[in-house]
Amino acid sequence: MPNLPPLTTETLWAILHDTLDDATVNQLVWHYLGYRRDDASARWDTTAVAPDWQEAYPEPPDFIENRPPTVKLTRSIPAENKQLLKDKLGFQGYKVNELVPRKTRRATIANWLLSYMHQTGIDA
């Protein structure tokens, strides 16, 4: 996954504001879940992926297009980190007319990434 943007608050806002393309957003999540592409074999290396993700998704899922992996992502955010978008970034959510699955999934991804940053000590 070449040329991923750094995991920063600017990147999270780009996800939330839909200025970062879907492929890159998915690749960010895949990377931090531990998925690595082995170009030589054209397969995914999942040795760094948690066993429950390996079992459910031996290949990384499209989080923006598919609800089930996004639900799993949501459930993997610790309860104390569920409000980080609001508490740390001041994100107030989308307006009612903006509530479409694609945007809510992007918000879930941003929240998961922010939770990952919080858990691993990456400055947000």
C-alpha atoms as a PDB file:
ATOM      1  CA  MET A   1       0.000   0.000   0.000  1.00  0.00           C
ATOM      2  CA  PRO A   2       2.232   2.732  -1.251  1.00  0.00           C
ATOM      3  CA  ASN A   3       1.978   6.392  -0.387  1.00  0.00           C
ATOM      4  CA  LEU A   4      -0.595   6.300   2.377  1.00  0.00           C
ATOM      5  CA  PRO A   5      -1.141   9.653   4.039  1.00  0.00           C
ATOM      6  CA  PRO A   6       0.153   9.982   7.593  1.00  0.00           C
ATOM      7  CA  LEU A   7      -2.242   9.176  10.394  1.00  0.00           C
ATOM      8  CA  THR A   8      -2.988  12.719  11.571  1.00  0.00           C
ATOM      9  CA  THR A   9      -6.027  14.805  12.444  1.00  0.00           C
ATOM     10  CA  GLU A  10      -5.766  16.337   8.965  1.00  0.00           C
ATOM     11  CA  THR A  11      -6.150  12.884   7.449  1.00  0.00           C
ATOM     12  CA  LEU A  12      -9.142  12.170   9.683  1.00  0.00           C
ATOM     13  CA  TRP A  13     -10.800  15.428   8.604  1.00  0.00           C
ATOM     14  CA  ALA A  14     -10.118  14.517   4.961  1.00  0.00           C
ATOM     15  CA  ILE A  15     -11.960  11.241   5.559  1.00  0.00           C
ATOM     16  CA  LEU A  16     -14.872  13.019   7.244  1.00  0.00           C
ATOM     17  CA  HIS A  17     -15.059  15.761   4.590  1.00  0.00           C
ATOM     18  CA  ASP A  18     -14.861  13.199   1.778  1.00  0.00           C
ATOM     19  CA  THR A  19     -11.733  14.733   0.263  1.00  0.00           C
ATOM     20  CA  LEU A  20      -9.709  11.527   0.585  1.00  0.00           C
ATOM     21  CA  ASP A  21     -10.669   8.914  -1.997  1.00  0.00           C
ATOM     22  CA  ASP A  22     -12.390   5.694  -0.941  1.00  0.00           C
ATOM     23  CA  ALA A  23      -9.510   3.437  -2.002  1.00  0.00           C
ATOM     24  CA  THR A  24      -7.041   5.315   0.192  1.00  0.00           C
ATOM     25  CA  VAL A  25      -9.470   5.357   3.119  1.00  0.00           C
ATOM     26  CA  ASN A  26      -9.872   1.582   2.875  1.00  0.00           C
ATOM     27  CA  GLN A  27      -6.115   1.104   2.554  1.00  0.00           C
ATOM     28  CA  LEU A  28      -5.521   3.107   5.734  1.00  0.00           C
ATOM     29  CA  VAL A  29      -7.836   0.850   7.715  1.00  0.00           C
ATOM     30  CA  TRP A  30      -6.329  -2.268   6.162  1.00  0.00           C
ATOM     31  CA  HIS A  31      -2.837  -1.075   7.041  1.00  0.00           C
ATOM     32  CA  TYR A  32      -3.666  -0.384  10.684  1.00  0.00           C
ATOM     33  CA  LEU A  33      -5.576  -3.652  11.000  1.00  0.00           C
ATOM     34  CA  GLY A  34      -2.346  -5.369   9.889  1.00  0.00           C
ATOM     35  CA  TYR A  35      -3.115  -6.387   6.305  1.00  0.00           C
ATOM     36  CA  ARG A  36      -0.066  -6.331   4.035  1.00  0.00           C
ATOM     37  CA  ARG A  37      -0.028  -7.008   0.309  1.00  0.00           C
ATOM     38  CA  ASP A  38       2.653  -9.425  -0.873  1.00  0.00           C
ATOM     39  CA  ASP A  39       3.241  -8.242  -4.414  1.00  0.00           C
ATOM     40  CA  ALA A  40       5.404 -11.257  -5.270  1.00  0.00           C
ATOM     41  CA  SER A  41       2.589 -13.725  -4.605  1.00  0.00           C
ATOM     42  CA  ALA A  42      -0.251 -11.261  -5.303  1.00  0.00           C
ATOM     43  CA  ARG A  43      -1.811 -12.322  -1.989  1.00  0.00           C
ATOM     44  CA  TRP A  44      -2.583 -10.715   1.326  1.00  0.00           C
ATOM     45  CA  ASP A  45      -0.345 -11.433   4.287  1.00  0.00           C
ATOM     46  CA  THR A  46      -2.540 -11.521   7.391  1.00  0.00           C
ATOM     47  CA  THR A  47       0.042 -12.613   9.963  1.00  0.00           C
ATOM     48  CA  ALA A  48      -0.242  -9.220  11.715  1.00  0.00           C
ATOM     49  CA  VAL A  49      -4.055  -9.210  11.572  1.00  0.00           C
ATOM     50  CA  ALA A  50      -6.024 -10.128  14.708  1.00  0.00           C
ATOM     51  CA  PRO A  51      -7.382 -13.689  14.515  1.00  0.00           C
ATOM     52  CA  ASP A  52     -11.046 -12.625  14.538  1.00  0.00           C
ATOM     53  CA  TRP A  53     -10.405 -10.353  11.528  1.00  0.00           C
ATOM     54  CA  GLN A  54      -8.362 -13.049   9.765  1.00  0.00           C
ATOM     55  CA  GLU A  55     -11.218 -15.507  10.162  1.00  0.00           C
ATOM     56  CA  ALA A  56     -13.979 -13.123   9.107  1.00  0.00           C
ATOM     57  CA  TYR A  57     -11.974 -11.381   6.371  1.00  0.00           C
ATOM     58  CA  PRO A  58      -9.016 -13.343   4.984  1.00  0.00           C
ATOM     59  CA  GLU A  59      -8.791 -10.533   2.435  1.00  0.00           C
ATOM     60  CA  PRO A  60      -9.367  -6.946   3.516  1.00  0.00           C
ATOM     61  CA  PRO A  61     -12.983  -5.826   3.063  1.00  0.00           C
ATOM     62  CA  ASP A  62     -14.318  -2.689   1.440  1.00  0.00           C
ATOM     63  CA  PHE A  63     -15.512  -0.795   4.494  1.00  0.00           C
ATOM     64  CA  ILE A  64     -17.233   1.955   2.560  1.00  0.00           C
ATOM     65  CA  GLU A  65     -19.278  -0.286   0.267  1.00  0.00           C
ATOM     66  CA  ASN A  66     -20.190  -3.022   2.751  1.00  0.00           C
ATOM     67  CA  ARG A  67     -21.994  -2.701   6.055  1.00  0.00           C
ATOM     68  CA  PRO A  68     -20.917  -5.918   7.890  1.00  0.00           C
ATOM     69  CA  PRO A  69     -17.196  -5.100   8.113  1.00  0.00           C
ATOM     70  CA  THR A  70     -18.036  -1.573   9.239  1.00  0.00           C
ATOM     71  CA  VAL A  71     -20.262  -2.975  11.993  1.00  0.00           C
ATOM     72  CA  LYS A  72     -17.347  -5.173  13.093  1.00  0.00           C
ATOM     73  CA  LEU A  73     -15.083  -2.113  13.029  1.00  0.00           C
ATOM     74  CA  THR A  74     -17.572  -0.186  15.193  1.00  0.00           C
ATOM     75  CA  ARG A  75     -17.778  -3.024  17.701  1.00  0.00           C
ATOM     76  CA  SER A  76     -13.992  -3.154  17.958  1.00  0.00           C
ATOM     77  CA  ILE A  77     -13.787   0.447  19.220  1.00  0.00           C
ATOM     78  CA  PRO A  78     -13.498   0.391  23.027  1.00  0.00           C
ATOM     79  CA  ALA A  79     -16.497   1.984  24.753  1.00  0.00           C
ATOM     80  CA  GLU A  80     -14.348   4.740  26.240  1.00  0.00           C
ATOM     81  CA  ASN A  81     -13.232   5.744  22.716  1.00  0.00           C
ATOM     82  CA  LYS A  82     -16.633   5.826  21.013  1.00  0.00           C
ATOM     83  CA  GLN A  83     -16.978   9.612  21.398  1.00  0.00           C
ATOM     84  CA  LEU A  84     -13.440  10.579  20.376  1.00  0.00           C
ATOM     85  CA  LEU A  85     -14.541  12.261  17.142  1.00  0.00           C
ATOM     86  CA  LYS A  86     -16.713  14.607  19.162  1.00  0.00           C
ATOM     87  CA  ASP A  87     -14.442  14.945  22.191  1.00  0.00           C
ATOM     88  CA  LYS A  88     -11.028  15.262  20.494  1.00  0.00           C
ATOM     89  CA  LEU A  89     -11.887  16.655  17.063  1.00  0.00           C
ATOM     90  CA  GLY A  90     -15.079  18.537  17.843  1.00  0.00           C
ATOM     91  CA  PHE A  91     -16.884  16.693  15.055  1.00  0.00           C
ATOM     92  CA  GLN A  92     -20.600  17.286  15.528  1.00  0.00           C
ATOM     93  CA  GLY A  93     -21.742  14.710  13.015  1.00  0.00           C
ATOM     94  CA  TYR A  94     -23.479  15.149   9.709  1.00  0.00           C
ATOM     95  CA  LYS A  95     -26.690  17.009   8.998  1.00  0.00           C
ATOM     96  CA  VAL A  96     -29.806  14.892   8.553  1.00  0.00           C
ATOM     97  CA  ASN A  97     -29.787  15.332   4.771  1.00  0.00           C
ATOM     98  CA  GLU A  98     -26.167  14.098   4.715  1.00  0.00           C
ATOM     99  CA  LEU A  99     -26.850  10.856   6.580  1.00  0.00           C
ATOM    100  CA  VAL A 100     -26.115   8.340   3.882  1.00  0.00           C
ATOM    101  CA  PRO A 101     -24.382   5.000   4.475  1.00  0.00           C
ATOM    102  CA  ARG A 102     -21.203   6.086   2.719  1.00  0.00           C
ATOM    103  CA  LYS A 103     -20.677   9.097   5.002  1.00  0.00           C
ATOM    104  CA  THR A 104     -21.614   7.295   8.205  1.00  0.00           C
ATOM    105  CA  ARG A 105     -19.157   4.527   7.301  1.00  0.00           C
ATOM    106  CA  ARG A 106     -16.466   7.154   6.738  1.00  0.00           C
ATOM    107  CA  ALA A 107     -17.225   8.562  10.198  1.00  0.00           C
ATOM    108  CA  THR A 108     -16.903   5.071  11.668  1.00  0.00           C
ATOM    109  CA  ILE A 109     -13.555   4.641   9.925  1.00  0.00           C
ATOM    110  CA  ALA A 110     -12.325   8.010  11.175  1.00  0.00           C
ATOM    111  CA  ASN A 111     -13.438   7.145  14.708  1.00  0.00           C
ATOM    112  CA  TRP A 112     -11.738   3.739  14.554  1.00  0.00           C
ATOM    113  CA  LEU A 113      -8.514   5.329  13.300  1.00  0.00           C
ATOM    114  CA  LEU A 114      -8.696   7.991  16.022  1.00  0.00           C
ATOM    115  CA  SER A 115      -9.231   5.249  18.604  1.00  0.00           C
ATOM    116  CA  TYR A 116      -6.206   3.421  17.179  1.00  0.00           C
ATOM    117  CA  MET A 117      -4.171   6.631  17.478  1.00  0.00           C
ATOM    118  CA  HIS A 118      -5.327   7.080  21.078  1.00  0.00           C
ATOM    119  CA  GLN A 119      -4.513   3.471  22.023  1.00  0.00           C
ATOM    120  CA  THR A 120      -1.079   3.499  20.412  1.00  0.00           C
ATOM    121  CA  GLY A 121      -0.023   6.966  21.572  1.00  0.00           C
ATOM    122  CA  ILE A 122       0.007   8.616  18.146  1.00  0.00           C
ATOM    123  CA  ASP A 123      -0.602  12.327  18.611  1.00  0.00           C
ATOM    124  CA  ALA A 124      -3.960  13.495  17.376  1.00  0.00           C
END
